[in-house]
Amino acid sequence: MEKDQPDETGLPASLQMAWGLRERPGKGPRPTLTLPKIVDAAVALAAAEGMDAVSMGRVAKELGVSTMSLYRYVTAKEELHILMSDAGVGAPPPLPPEADDWGWRELLTRWAHDQRAVLMANPWILRIPITGAPLSPNHLAWMERGLASMAGAALKEGEKISTIILIGGLVRNEAVMAADMMEAIVKSGVRPDQVLGQYVRTLRLLTGPETHPAVTRLLESDAFTGSDEPDFQFRFGLDRILDGLAALIDGRSPAR
């Protein structure tokens, strides 16, 4: 595509610049303000103070420029959010050399854990609403790696993208719950183990074998305190999804 004809993509100018399809706006001397600088300032603000602190005016103040100067690069706050999210997730990390011998299950597992690690390290990304399908460079790179993980699997292309959406939903949901709980814990000033202990004690006071027999069995088990496996709940959910996918693929194998 010619750089002077980028409108065929249907993307706003800021995303066209992110893809390298459009040069900097305007003519004349190269300005000191650039789209990457704007995005970097917004990301730094979100990481330090949360997404509620991010506005066009506040970002402009951090950069020492007028708010109107930002609109030459980003025409709306929603565009800035997309670019921030893309910068926050970054490009997918490279796979280790031994990944050449991995099957689809190992590759999807690494894809899911790598995504989760990014979101847990940058919880502000989770506060950006999802307003459409991914169209930014890094988000599409993550999609590409997820789809490529299933290149050798007996799955239709529609099933592959559905798998990506399903696993991505698990990753995001688990990360949102973790971020919400941590935010509440920080505000309370109580240690995480104390919060869990108080929750168990409160449940014991509110429930009993006659009114809540299933909850009682849960409390009498070691579900809250007995598992030393890190990220057990996330691993359990991911494994169940992958088990179902394995059953589907195995059912299509020539041997069957």
C-alpha atoms as a PDB file:
ATOM      1  CA  MET A   1       0.000   0.000   0.000  1.00  0.00           C
ATOM      2  CA  GLU A   2       1.312   3.444  -0.887  1.00  0.00           C
ATOM      3  CA  LYS A   3       1.982   5.624   2.110  1.00  0.00           C
ATOM      4  CA  ASP A   4       0.091   8.479   0.502  1.00  0.00           C
ATOM      5  CA  GLN A   5      -2.997   6.253   0.150  1.00  0.00           C
ATOM      6  CA  PRO A   6      -3.484   4.735   3.598  1.00  0.00           C
ATOM      7  CA  ASP A   7      -7.220   5.374   3.895  1.00  0.00           C
ATOM      8  CA  GLU A   8      -8.049   2.012   2.309  1.00  0.00           C
ATOM      9  CA  THR A   9      -7.430   0.394   5.706  1.00  0.00           C
ATOM     10  CA  GLY A  10     -10.276   2.296   7.306  1.00  0.00           C
ATOM     11  CA  LEU A  11      -8.009   3.003  10.284  1.00  0.00           C
ATOM     12  CA  PRO A  12      -7.798   6.396  12.002  1.00  0.00           C
ATOM     13  CA  ALA A  13      -4.652   8.391  11.242  1.00  0.00           C
ATOM     14  CA  SER A  14      -3.031   7.537  14.579  1.00  0.00           C
ATOM     15  CA  LEU A  15      -3.255   3.788  13.932  1.00  0.00           C
ATOM     16  CA  GLN A  16      -2.058   4.306  10.376  1.00  0.00           C
ATOM     17  CA  MET A  17       1.035   5.971  11.853  1.00  0.00           C
ATOM     18  CA  ALA A  18       1.451   3.105  14.308  1.00  0.00           C
ATOM     19  CA  TRP A  19       1.548   0.712  11.354  1.00  0.00           C
ATOM     20  CA  GLY A  20       3.966   2.953   9.462  1.00  0.00           C
ATOM     21  CA  LEU A  21       1.392   3.668   6.770  1.00  0.00           C
ATOM     22  CA  ARG A  22       1.372   7.420   7.289  1.00  0.00           C
ATOM     23  CA  GLU A  23       4.107   9.932   7.986  1.00  0.00           C
ATOM     24  CA  ARG A  24       3.967  12.488  10.774  1.00  0.00           C
ATOM     25  CA  PRO A  25       1.187  15.039  10.362  1.00  0.00           C
ATOM     26  CA  GLY A  26       1.817  18.409   8.797  1.00  0.00           C
ATOM     27  CA  LYS A  27       4.782  19.868   6.953  1.00  0.00           C
ATOM     28  CA  GLY A  28       7.785  21.950   7.893  1.00  0.00           C
ATOM     29  CA  PRO A  29      10.457  21.301  10.549  1.00  0.00           C
ATOM     30  CA  ARG A  30      10.239  18.035  12.417  1.00  0.00           C
ATOM     31  CA  PRO A  31       8.313  18.710  15.639  1.00  0.00           C
ATOM     32  CA  THR A  32       9.555  17.670  19.048  1.00  0.00           C
ATOM     33  CA  LEU A  33       6.170  16.057  19.797  1.00  0.00           C
ATOM     34  CA  THR A  34       5.637  12.608  18.295  1.00  0.00           C
ATOM     35  CA  LEU A  35       2.992   9.909  18.547  1.00  0.00           C
ATOM     36  CA  PRO A  36       5.315   7.530  20.473  1.00  0.00           C
ATOM     37  CA  LYS A  37       6.057  10.307  22.990  1.00  0.00           C
ATOM     38  CA  ILE A  38       2.355  10.897  23.519  1.00  0.00           C
ATOM     39  CA  VAL A  39       1.654   7.203  24.008  1.00  0.00           C
ATOM     40  CA  ASP A  40       4.649   6.744  26.323  1.00  0.00           C
ATOM     41  CA  ALA A  41       3.518   9.656  28.495  1.00  0.00           C
ATOM     42  CA  ALA A  42      -0.018   8.262  28.697  1.00  0.00           C
ATOM     43  CA  VAL A  43       1.258   4.777  29.585  1.00  0.00           C
ATOM     44  CA  ALA A  44       3.539   6.167  32.300  1.00  0.00           C
ATOM     45  CA  LEU A  45       0.617   8.117  33.747  1.00  0.00           C
ATOM     46  CA  ALA A  46      -1.654   5.047  33.725  1.00  0.00           C
ATOM     47  CA  ALA A  47       1.026   2.879  35.353  1.00  0.00           C
ATOM     48  CA  ALA A  48       1.612   5.439  38.094  1.00  0.00           C
ATOM     49  CA  GLU A  49      -1.917   6.663  38.805  1.00  0.00           C
ATOM     50  CA  GLY A  50      -4.347   4.382  36.960  1.00  0.00           C
ATOM     51  CA  MET A  51      -6.470   4.880  33.870  1.00  0.00           C
ATOM     52  CA  ASP A  52      -8.750   7.366  35.622  1.00  0.00           C
ATOM     53  CA  ALA A  53      -5.857   9.827  35.595  1.00  0.00           C
ATOM     54  CA  VAL A  54      -5.429   9.649  31.819  1.00  0.00           C
ATOM     55  CA  SER A  55      -7.006  12.441  29.824  1.00  0.00           C
ATOM     56  CA  MET A  56      -5.859  14.398  26.812  1.00  0.00           C
ATOM     57  CA  GLY A  57      -5.358  17.451  28.994  1.00  0.00           C
ATOM     58  CA  ARG A  58      -3.352  15.605  31.629  1.00  0.00           C
ATOM     59  CA  VAL A  59      -1.126  13.915  29.040  1.00  0.00           C
ATOM     60  CA  ALA A  60      -0.512  17.280  27.388  1.00  0.00           C
ATOM     61  CA  LYS A  61       0.455  18.734  30.763  1.00  0.00           C
ATOM     62  CA  GLU A  62       2.914  15.901  31.380  1.00  0.00           C
ATOM     63  CA  LEU A  63       4.517  16.648  28.000  1.00  0.00           C
ATOM     64  CA  GLY A  64       4.511  20.395  28.508  1.00  0.00           C
ATOM     65  CA  VAL A  65       2.404  21.109  25.431  1.00  0.00           C
ATOM     66  CA  SER A  66      -1.085  22.361  24.707  1.00  0.00           C
ATOM     67  CA  THR A  67      -3.965  19.925  24.623  1.00  0.00           C
ATOM     68  CA  MET A  68      -4.799  20.930  21.064  1.00  0.00           C
ATOM     69  CA  SER A  69      -1.336  19.895  19.874  1.00  0.00           C
ATOM     70  CA  LEU A  70      -2.140  16.287  20.816  1.00  0.00           C
ATOM     71  CA  TYR A  71      -5.130  16.256  18.478  1.00  0.00           C
ATOM     72  CA  ARG A  72      -2.790  16.580  15.488  1.00  0.00           C
ATOM     73  CA  TYR A  73      -1.727  13.018  16.303  1.00  0.00           C
ATOM     74  CA  VAL A  74      -4.675  11.475  18.175  1.00  0.00           C
ATOM     75  CA  THR A  75      -8.169  12.675  17.349  1.00  0.00           C
ATOM     76  CA  ALA A  76      -9.971  11.070  20.287  1.00  0.00           C
ATOM     77  CA  LYS A  77      -9.253   9.610  23.703  1.00  0.00           C
ATOM     78  CA  GLU A  78     -10.505   6.222  22.499  1.00  0.00           C
ATOM     79  CA  GLU A  79      -7.718   6.161  19.890  1.00  0.00           C
ATOM     80  CA  LEU A  80      -5.185   6.944  22.588  1.00  0.00           C
ATOM     81  CA  HIS A  81      -6.536   4.059  24.666  1.00  0.00           C
ATOM     82  CA  ILE A  82      -6.015   1.642  21.761  1.00  0.00           C
ATOM     83  CA  LEU A  83      -2.453   2.836  21.269  1.00  0.00           C
ATOM     84  CA  MET A  84      -1.771   2.647  25.012  1.00  0.00           C
ATOM     85  CA  SER A  85      -3.066  -0.908  25.180  1.00  0.00           C
ATOM     86  CA  ASP A  86      -0.929  -1.869  22.191  1.00  0.00           C
ATOM     87  CA  ALA A  87       2.160  -0.373  23.800  1.00  0.00           C
ATOM     88  CA  GLY A  88       1.336  -1.996  27.126  1.00  0.00           C
ATOM     89  CA  VAL A  89       1.017  -5.528  25.812  1.00  0.00           C
ATOM     90  CA  GLY A  90       4.053  -5.129  23.578  1.00  0.00           C
ATOM     91  CA  ALA A  91       5.172  -7.737  21.087  1.00  0.00           C
ATOM     92  CA  PRO A  92       4.836 -11.393  22.144  1.00  0.00           C
ATOM     93  CA  PRO A  93       8.039 -12.600  23.828  1.00  0.00           C
ATOM     94  CA  PRO A  94      10.188 -14.954  21.756  1.00  0.00           C
ATOM     95  CA  LEU A  95       9.732 -18.661  22.324  1.00  0.00           C
ATOM     96  CA  PRO A  96      12.649 -20.742  23.636  1.00  0.00           C
ATOM     97  CA  PRO A  97      14.626 -22.859  21.137  1.00  0.00           C
ATOM     98  CA  GLU A  98      13.009 -26.051  22.416  1.00  0.00           C
ATOM     99  CA  ALA A  99       9.613 -24.735  21.294  1.00  0.00           C
ATOM    100  CA  ASP A 100      10.380 -26.124  17.837  1.00  0.00           C
ATOM    101  CA  ASP A 101       9.543 -29.548  19.280  1.00  0.00           C
ATOM    102  CA  TRP A 102       6.390 -28.451  21.109  1.00  0.00           C
ATOM    103  CA  GLY A 103       2.899 -29.467  20.065  1.00  0.00           C
ATOM    104  CA  TRP A 104      -0.149 -27.230  19.864  1.00  0.00           C
ATOM    105  CA  ARG A 105      -1.010 -27.745  23.540  1.00  0.00           C
ATOM    106  CA  GLU A 106       2.374 -26.618  24.835  1.00  0.00           C
ATOM    107  CA  LEU A 107       2.395 -23.646  22.471  1.00  0.00           C
ATOM    108  CA  LEU A 108      -1.099 -22.506  23.483  1.00  0.00           C
ATOM    109  CA  THR A 109      -0.220 -22.950  27.150  1.00  0.00           C
ATOM    110  CA  ARG A 110       2.813 -20.690  26.795  1.00  0.00           C
ATOM    111  CA  TRP A 111       0.738 -18.192  24.789  1.00  0.00           C
ATOM    112  CA  ALA A 112      -1.851 -17.996  27.545  1.00  0.00           C
ATOM    113  CA  HIS A 113       0.687 -17.684  30.372  1.00  0.00           C
ATOM    114  CA  ASP A 114       2.668 -15.029  28.497  1.00  0.00           C
ATOM    115  CA  GLN A 115      -0.506 -12.983  27.991  1.00  0.00           C
ATOM    116  CA  ARG A 116      -1.462 -13.348  31.627  1.00  0.00           C
ATOM    117  CA  ALA A 117       1.994 -12.236  32.768  1.00  0.00           C
ATOM    118  CA  VAL A 118       1.700  -9.053  30.709  1.00  0.00           C
ATOM    119  CA  LEU A 119      -1.737  -8.205  32.094  1.00  0.00           C
ATOM    120  CA  MET A 120      -0.746  -8.954  35.686  1.00  0.00           C
ATOM    121  CA  ALA A 121       2.283  -6.688  35.298  1.00  0.00           C
ATOM    122  CA  ASN A 122       0.207  -3.917  33.686  1.00  0.00           C
ATOM    123  CA  PRO A 123      -3.244  -4.075  35.304  1.00  0.00           C
ATOM    124  CA  TRP A 124      -4.153  -0.641  33.946  1.00  0.00           C
ATOM    125  CA  ILE A 125      -4.621  -2.304  30.539  1.00  0.00           C
ATOM    126  CA  LEU A 126      -7.599  -4.168  31.983  1.00  0.00           C
ATOM    127  CA  ARG A 127      -9.366  -0.859  32.654  1.00  0.00           C
ATOM    128  CA  ILE A 128      -9.439  -0.025  28.936  1.00  0.00           C
ATOM    129  CA  PRO A 129     -12.799  -1.098  27.449  1.00  0.00           C
ATOM    130  CA  ILE A 130     -12.713  -3.490  24.508  1.00  0.00           C
ATOM    131  CA  THR A 131     -14.396  -1.575  21.690  1.00  0.00           C
ATOM    132  CA  GLY A 132     -13.676  -3.814  18.732  1.00  0.00           C
ATOM    133  CA  ALA A 133     -11.561  -6.537  17.186  1.00  0.00           C
ATOM    134  CA  PRO A 134      -7.765  -6.095  17.445  1.00  0.00           C
ATOM    135  CA  LEU A 135      -6.286  -3.909  14.707  1.00  0.00           C
ATOM    136  CA  SER A 136      -3.108  -2.561  16.306  1.00  0.00           C
ATOM    137  CA  PRO A 137       0.351  -4.019  15.544  1.00  0.00           C
ATOM    138  CA  ASN A 138       1.137  -5.769  18.823  1.00  0.00           C
ATOM    139  CA  HIS A 139      -2.356  -7.089  19.432  1.00  0.00           C
ATOM    140  CA  LEU A 140      -2.366  -8.616  15.961  1.00  0.00           C
ATOM    141  CA  ALA A 141       1.073 -10.100  16.645  1.00  0.00           C
ATOM    142  CA  TRP A 142      -0.396 -11.850  19.699  1.00  0.00           C
ATOM    143  CA  MET A 143      -3.281 -13.112  17.562  1.00  0.00           C
ATOM    144  CA  GLU A 144      -0.839 -14.377  14.974  1.00  0.00           C
ATOM    145  CA  ARG A 145       1.172 -16.289  17.559  1.00  0.00           C
ATOM    146  CA  GLY A 146      -1.954 -17.825  19.064  1.00  0.00           C
ATOM    147  CA  LEU A 147      -3.272 -18.964  15.700  1.00  0.00           C
ATOM    148  CA  ALA A 148       0.159 -20.219  14.635  1.00  0.00           C
ATOM    149  CA  SER A 149       0.253 -22.371  17.776  1.00  0.00           C
ATOM    150  CA  MET A 150      -2.473 -24.516  16.238  1.00  0.00           C
ATOM    151  CA  ALA A 151      -0.941 -24.756  12.767  1.00  0.00           C
ATOM    152  CA  GLY A 152      -0.528 -28.534  12.999  1.00  0.00           C
ATOM    153  CA  ALA A 153      -3.808 -29.261  14.775  1.00  0.00           C
ATOM    154  CA  ALA A 154      -6.861 -30.800  13.087  1.00  0.00           C
ATOM    155  CA  LEU A 155      -8.932 -27.661  13.509  1.00  0.00           C
ATOM    156  CA  LYS A 156     -10.838 -25.454  11.120  1.00  0.00           C
ATOM    157  CA  GLU A 157      -9.784 -21.814  10.918  1.00  0.00           C
ATOM    158  CA  GLY A 158     -13.020 -20.721  12.566  1.00  0.00           C
ATOM    159  CA  GLU A 159     -12.358 -23.133  15.419  1.00  0.00           C
ATOM    160  CA  LYS A 160      -8.864 -21.723  15.851  1.00  0.00           C
ATOM    161  CA  ILE A 161     -10.046 -18.152  16.254  1.00  0.00           C
ATOM    162  CA  SER A 162     -12.809 -19.346  18.589  1.00  0.00           C
ATOM    163  CA  THR A 163     -10.148 -21.062  20.690  1.00  0.00           C
ATOM    164  CA  ILE A 164      -8.144 -17.838  20.815  1.00  0.00           C
ATOM    165  CA  ILE A 165     -11.212 -15.915  21.960  1.00  0.00           C
ATOM    166  CA  LEU A 166     -12.075 -18.542  24.590  1.00  0.00           C
ATOM    167  CA  ILE A 167      -8.586 -18.736  26.090  1.00  0.00           C
ATOM    168  CA  GLY A 168      -8.127 -14.978  25.836  1.00  0.00           C
ATOM    169  CA  GLY A 169     -11.373 -14.542  27.772  1.00  0.00           C
ATOM    170  CA  LEU A 170     -10.129 -16.841  30.508  1.00  0.00           C
ATOM    171  CA  VAL A 171      -6.849 -14.937  30.704  1.00  0.00           C
ATOM    172  CA  ARG A 172      -8.537 -11.555  30.896  1.00  0.00           C
ATOM    173  CA  ASN A 173     -11.222 -12.615  33.357  1.00  0.00           C
ATOM    174  CA  GLU A 174      -8.690 -14.170  35.721  1.00  0.00           C
ATOM    175  CA  ALA A 175      -6.430 -11.120  35.470  1.00  0.00           C
ATOM    176  CA  VAL A 176      -9.340  -8.731  36.121  1.00  0.00           C
ATOM    177  CA  MET A 177     -10.386 -10.643  39.245  1.00  0.00           C
ATOM    178  CA  ALA A 178      -6.809 -10.710  40.510  1.00  0.00           C
ATOM    179  CA  ALA A 179      -6.390  -6.978  39.865  1.00  0.00           C
ATOM    180  CA  ASP A 180      -9.722  -6.134  41.519  1.00  0.00           C
ATOM    181  CA  MET A 181      -8.914  -8.203  44.594  1.00  0.00           C
ATOM    182  CA  MET A 182      -5.417  -6.744  44.897  1.00  0.00           C
ATOM    183  CA  GLU A 183      -6.769  -3.214  44.569  1.00  0.00           C
ATOM    184  CA  ALA A 184      -9.279  -3.896  47.339  1.00  0.00           C
ATOM    185  CA  ILE A 185      -6.597  -5.449  49.528  1.00  0.00           C
ATOM    186  CA  VAL A 186      -4.265  -2.488  49.057  1.00  0.00           C
ATOM    187  CA  LYS A 187      -7.045  -0.076  49.977  1.00  0.00           C
ATOM    188  CA  SER A 188      -7.891  -2.085  53.103  1.00  0.00           C
ATOM    189  CA  GLY A 189      -4.299  -2.121  54.313  1.00  0.00           C
ATOM    190  CA  VAL A 190      -4.629  -5.799  55.266  1.00  0.00           C
ATOM    191  CA  ARG A 191      -2.311  -8.573  54.118  1.00  0.00           C
ATOM    192  CA  PRO A 192      -3.708 -10.994  51.484  1.00  0.00           C
ATOM    193  CA  ASP A 193      -3.471 -13.973  53.866  1.00  0.00           C
ATOM    194  CA  GLN A 194      -5.415 -12.046  56.484  1.00  0.00           C
ATOM    195  CA  VAL A 195      -8.132 -11.212  53.977  1.00  0.00           C
ATOM    196  CA  LEU A 196      -8.508 -14.878  53.045  1.00  0.00           C
ATOM    197  CA  GLY A 197      -8.542 -15.932  56.689  1.00  0.00           C
ATOM    198  CA  GLN A 198     -11.256 -13.426  57.526  1.00  0.00           C
ATOM    199  CA  TYR A 199     -13.293 -14.581  54.522  1.00  0.00           C
ATOM    200  CA  VAL A 200     -13.177 -18.195  55.694  1.00  0.00           C
ATOM    201  CA  ARG A 201     -14.120 -17.218  59.246  1.00  0.00           C
ATOM    202  CA  THR A 202     -17.053 -15.144  57.985  1.00  0.00           C
ATOM    203  CA  LEU A 203     -18.281 -17.994  55.791  1.00  0.00           C
ATOM    204  CA  ARG A 204     -18.197 -20.360  58.760  1.00  0.00           C
ATOM    205  CA  LEU A 205     -20.367 -17.947  60.736  1.00  0.00           C
ATOM    206  CA  LEU A 206     -22.869 -17.422  57.929  1.00  0.00           C
ATOM    207  CA  THR A 207     -23.232 -20.998  56.693  1.00  0.00           C
ATOM    208  CA  GLY A 208     -23.774 -24.501  58.024  1.00  0.00           C
ATOM    209  CA  PRO A 209     -24.400 -28.072  56.868  1.00  0.00           C
ATOM    210  CA  GLU A 210     -28.157 -27.642  56.946  1.00  0.00           C
ATOM    211  CA  THR A 211     -28.400 -24.370  54.998  1.00  0.00           C
ATOM    212  CA  HIS A 212     -25.297 -24.557  52.811  1.00  0.00           C
ATOM    213  CA  PRO A 213     -24.054 -28.161  52.691  1.00  0.00           C
ATOM    214  CA  ALA A 214     -21.908 -27.633  49.568  1.00  0.00           C
ATOM    215  CA  VAL A 215     -20.203 -24.551  51.029  1.00  0.00           C
ATOM    216  CA  THR A 216     -19.642 -26.452  54.265  1.00  0.00           C
ATOM    217  CA  ARG A 217     -17.891 -29.258  52.397  1.00  0.00           C
ATOM    218  CA  LEU A 218     -15.735 -26.664  50.692  1.00  0.00           C
ATOM    219  CA  LEU A 219     -14.749 -25.114  54.023  1.00  0.00           C
ATOM    220  CA  GLU A 220     -13.942 -28.506  55.498  1.00  0.00           C
ATOM    221  CA  SER A 221     -11.629 -29.297  52.587  1.00  0.00           C
ATOM    222  CA  ASP A 222      -8.215 -27.791  51.964  1.00  0.00           C
ATOM    223  CA  ALA A 223      -9.425 -25.763  48.990  1.00  0.00           C
ATOM    224  CA  PHE A 224      -8.493 -22.429  50.542  1.00  0.00           C
ATOM    225  CA  THR A 225      -5.252 -23.412  52.243  1.00  0.00           C
ATOM    226  CA  GLY A 226      -4.056 -26.769  50.991  1.00  0.00           C
ATOM    227  CA  SER A 227      -2.823 -26.100  47.448  1.00  0.00           C
ATOM    228  CA  ASP A 228       0.795 -25.009  47.109  1.00  0.00           C
ATOM    229  CA  GLU A 229       0.643 -24.978  43.311  1.00  0.00           C
ATOM    230  CA  PRO A 230       1.089 -21.440  41.993  1.00  0.00           C
ATOM    231  CA  ASP A 231      -1.813 -20.077  39.958  1.00  0.00           C
ATOM    232  CA  PHE A 232      -3.819 -23.252  40.516  1.00  0.00           C
ATOM    233  CA  GLN A 233      -7.165 -21.792  39.489  1.00  0.00           C
ATOM    234  CA  PHE A 234      -5.829 -20.385  36.234  1.00  0.00           C
ATOM    235  CA  ARG A 235      -3.972 -23.580  35.365  1.00  0.00           C
ATOM    236  CA  PHE A 236      -7.045 -25.671  36.167  1.00  0.00           C
ATOM    237  CA  GLY A 237      -9.303 -23.614  33.914  1.00  0.00           C
ATOM    238  CA  LEU A 238      -6.795 -23.533  31.066  1.00  0.00           C
ATOM    239  CA  ASP A 239      -6.175 -27.281  31.264  1.00  0.00           C
ATOM    240  CA  ARG A 240      -9.895 -28.020  31.074  1.00  0.00           C
ATOM    241  CA  ILE A 241     -10.222 -25.921  27.923  1.00  0.00           C
ATOM    242  CA  LEU A 242      -7.220 -27.656  26.396  1.00  0.00           C
ATOM    243  CA  ASP A 243      -8.559 -31.074  27.428  1.00  0.00           C
ATOM    244  CA  GLY A 244     -11.751 -30.370  25.516  1.00  0.00           C
ATOM    245  CA  LEU A 245      -9.783 -29.180  22.495  1.00  0.00           C
ATOM    246  CA  ALA A 246      -7.615 -32.309  22.646  1.00  0.00           C
ATOM    247  CA  ALA A 247     -10.724 -34.516  22.657  1.00  0.00           C
ATOM    248  CA  LEU A 248     -12.018 -32.713  19.565  1.00  0.00           C
ATOM    249  CA  ILE A 249      -8.697 -33.055  17.738  1.00  0.00           C
ATOM    250  CA  ASP A 250      -8.212 -36.685  18.739  1.00  0.00           C
ATOM    251  CA  GLY A 251     -11.687 -37.514  17.475  1.00  0.00           C
ATOM    252  CA  ARG A 252     -10.613 -36.338  14.028  1.00  0.00           C
ATOM    253  CA  SER A 253      -7.339 -38.278  13.894  1.00  0.00           C
ATOM    254  CA  PRO A 254      -6.986 -40.848  11.079  1.00  0.00           C
ATOM    255  CA  ALA A 255      -6.533 -43.642  13.612  1.00  0.00           C
ATOM    256  CA  ARG A 256     -10.109 -43.078  14.789  1.00  0.00           C
END
